[in-house]
Amino acid sequence: MDVEMIIYNALIKDSYIVEQASGRIKFYEYPESASLVDPFIIIDPLDVPKPSDLADDTWLTYDCLYQIEVWTKNRSITKELGKRVHQVLWNLGFRQNGGLSEYDNGIFRDARRFRGKLYREDFEELSKSIPLNK
């Protein structure tokens, strides 16, 4: 399951996020602070997706932990992008469980941590193969 692409595809459906950060939504790739001109959004997995929620000794979901960072030179844009990221991840079923807001050398940074569960891609096939009675 490519959780990073699920998050990326959800982010680029938001018109404000695309308007501000089109082409600068990255995986793992942090911008050089000195060269930052336009907003950046960084999708950073903090752990690998872990099997979770068992039924008949079969795991059904992935438990995921991600940090999404917004870097800009404008405080209000950083805050609005952070709110939009939060809403997009909420709609995917992720809940914010931490983060930080900081300012350093002209860069505003909003870093939020999200935990969520996603069903396996082969869930439909699994549900057909799990016996109802043993």
Protein backbone atom coordinates (compact mmCIF):
# COMPACT_ATOMS: atom_id res chain seq x y z
CA MET A 1 0.00 0.00 0.00
CA ASP A 2 1.46 3.36 -1.02
CA VAL A 3 0.17 5.55 1.81
CA GLU A 4 2.35 8.48 0.74
CA MET A 5 0.60 8.57 -2.65
CA ILE A 6 -2.82 8.34 -1.00
CA ILE A 7 -1.93 11.39 1.10
CA TYR A 8 -0.36 13.22 -1.86
CA ASN A 9 -3.39 12.60 -4.11
CA ALA A 10 -5.73 13.83 -1.37
CA LEU A 11 -3.65 17.00 -0.84
CA ILE A 12 -3.64 17.94 -4.52
CA LYS A 13 -7.44 17.81 -4.61
CA ASP A 14 -7.55 20.89 -2.36
CA SER A 15 -7.54 24.01 -4.55
CA TYR A 16 -5.80 26.25 -1.97
CA ILE A 17 -3.02 23.72 -1.41
CA VAL A 18 -2.47 23.40 -5.16
CA GLU A 19 -2.55 27.18 -5.62
CA GLN A 20 0.14 27.68 -2.97
CA ALA A 21 2.35 24.58 -3.30
CA SER A 22 1.83 22.99 -6.73
CA GLY A 23 5.01 21.14 -7.70
CA ARG A 24 6.41 21.53 -4.18
CA ILE A 25 4.63 18.75 -2.33
CA LYS A 26 7.46 16.32 -1.68
CA PHE A 27 8.19 13.02 0.02
CA TYR A 28 11.11 13.09 2.49
CA GLU A 29 12.68 16.03 0.61
CA TYR A 30 13.27 19.15 2.69
CA PRO A 31 14.00 22.48 0.97
CA GLU A 32 17.15 24.47 1.61
CA SER A 33 16.07 27.26 3.94
CA ALA A 34 18.16 29.87 2.17
CA SER A 35 16.61 29.08 -1.22
CA LEU A 36 12.99 28.86 -0.06
CA VAL A 37 10.80 31.25 -2.06
CA ASP A 38 7.44 29.52 -2.38
CA PRO A 39 5.61 27.23 0.09
CA PHE A 40 6.70 23.62 0.46
CA ILE A 41 4.76 20.69 1.91
CA ILE A 42 6.73 17.64 3.01
CA ILE A 43 5.15 14.22 3.59
CA ASP A 44 7.36 12.32 6.01
CA PRO A 45 6.54 8.83 7.31
CA LEU A 46 7.61 8.46 10.93
CA ASP A 47 7.11 4.69 10.97
CA VAL A 48 6.30 2.00 8.45
CA PRO A 49 2.59 1.11 8.19
CA LYS A 50 1.97 -1.66 10.74
CA PRO A 51 -0.57 -4.48 10.47
CA SER A 52 -3.45 -3.85 12.85
CA ASP A 53 -7.02 -4.87 13.72
CA LEU A 54 -7.11 -8.65 13.63
CA ALA A 55 -10.00 -10.94 12.73
CA ASP A 56 -9.43 -14.71 12.76
CA ASP A 57 -5.66 -14.17 12.92
CA THR A 58 -5.75 -11.99 9.79
CA TRP A 59 -4.76 -8.33 9.95
CA LEU A 60 -7.24 -5.99 8.32
CA THR A 61 -5.75 -2.50 8.48
CA TYR A 62 -2.48 -0.61 8.38
CA ASP A 63 -1.76 1.67 11.35
CA CYS A 64 0.12 4.66 9.92
CA LEU A 65 2.07 7.54 11.47
CA TYR A 66 3.03 10.54 9.31
CA GLN A 67 4.34 14.04 9.78
CA ILE A 68 3.23 16.65 7.27
CA GLU A 69 5.26 19.86 7.30
CA VAL A 70 4.45 23.22 5.75
CA TRP A 71 7.35 25.62 5.16
CA THR A 72 6.77 29.20 3.96
CA LYS A 73 8.05 32.72 4.45
CA ASN A 74 4.55 33.95 5.25
CA ARG A 75 3.00 33.22 8.65
CA SER A 76 -0.64 33.45 7.53
CA ILE A 77 -0.08 31.18 4.51
CA THR A 78 1.69 28.67 6.76
CA LYS A 79 -1.25 28.66 9.18
CA GLU A 80 -3.86 28.32 6.42
CA LEU A 81 -1.95 25.54 4.66
CA GLY A 82 -1.58 23.75 8.01
CA LYS A 83 -5.35 23.95 8.55
CA ARG A 84 -6.02 22.65 5.05
CA VAL A 85 -3.58 19.76 5.51
CA HIS A 86 -5.33 18.93 8.78
CA GLN A 87 -8.74 18.85 7.08
CA VAL A 88 -7.50 16.71 4.18
CA LEU A 89 -5.91 14.16 6.54
CA TRP A 90 -9.04 14.20 8.76
CA ASN A 91 -11.13 13.30 5.71
CA LEU A 92 -8.80 10.35 5.06
CA GLY A 93 -9.40 9.10 8.60
CA PHE A 94 -6.18 10.37 10.18
CA ARG A 95 -6.21 12.19 13.50
CA GLN A 96 -3.65 14.75 14.57
CA ASN A 97 -1.67 13.59 17.58
CA GLY A 98 1.04 16.19 17.92
CA GLY A 99 3.13 18.71 16.12
CA LEU A 100 4.92 21.99 16.41
CA SER A 101 4.94 25.48 15.04
CA GLU A 102 8.24 27.32 14.77
CA TYR A 103 10.02 30.22 13.15
CA ASP A 104 13.69 30.19 12.17
CA ASN A 105 15.70 32.48 9.88
CA GLY A 106 12.65 33.85 8.05
CA ILE A 107 10.92 30.48 7.64
CA PHE A 108 7.61 29.63 9.30
CA ARG A 109 7.14 25.91 9.82
CA ASP A 110 3.99 24.02 10.76
CA ALA A 111 4.71 20.32 11.43
CA ARG A 112 1.76 18.11 12.34
CA ARG A 113 1.78 14.42 13.20
CA PHE A 114 -1.10 12.25 12.11
CA ARG A 115 -2.05 8.69 12.99
CA GLY A 116 -4.63 6.75 11.06
CA LYS A 117 -5.72 3.36 9.87
CA LEU A 118 -6.26 2.36 6.28
CA TYR A 119 -7.83 -0.90 5.15
CA ARG A 120 -5.69 -3.31 3.20
CA GLU A 121 -5.98 -2.98 -0.56
CA ASP A 122 -6.99 -6.64 -0.77
CA PHE A 123 -9.67 -6.26 1.92
CA GLU A 124 -12.54 -7.28 -0.40
CA GLU A 125 -10.83 -10.57 -1.23
CA LEU A 126 -10.00 -11.14 2.45
CA SER A 127 -13.59 -10.64 3.54
CA LYS A 128 -14.69 -13.38 1.13
CA SER A 129 -12.14 -15.83 2.51
CA ILE A 130 -12.69 -15.34 6.26
CA PRO A 131 -14.99 -18.13 7.47
CA LEU A 132 -18.07 -17.07 9.39
CA ASN A 133 -18.11 -20.25 11.53
CA LYS A 134 -15.21 -22.42 12.56
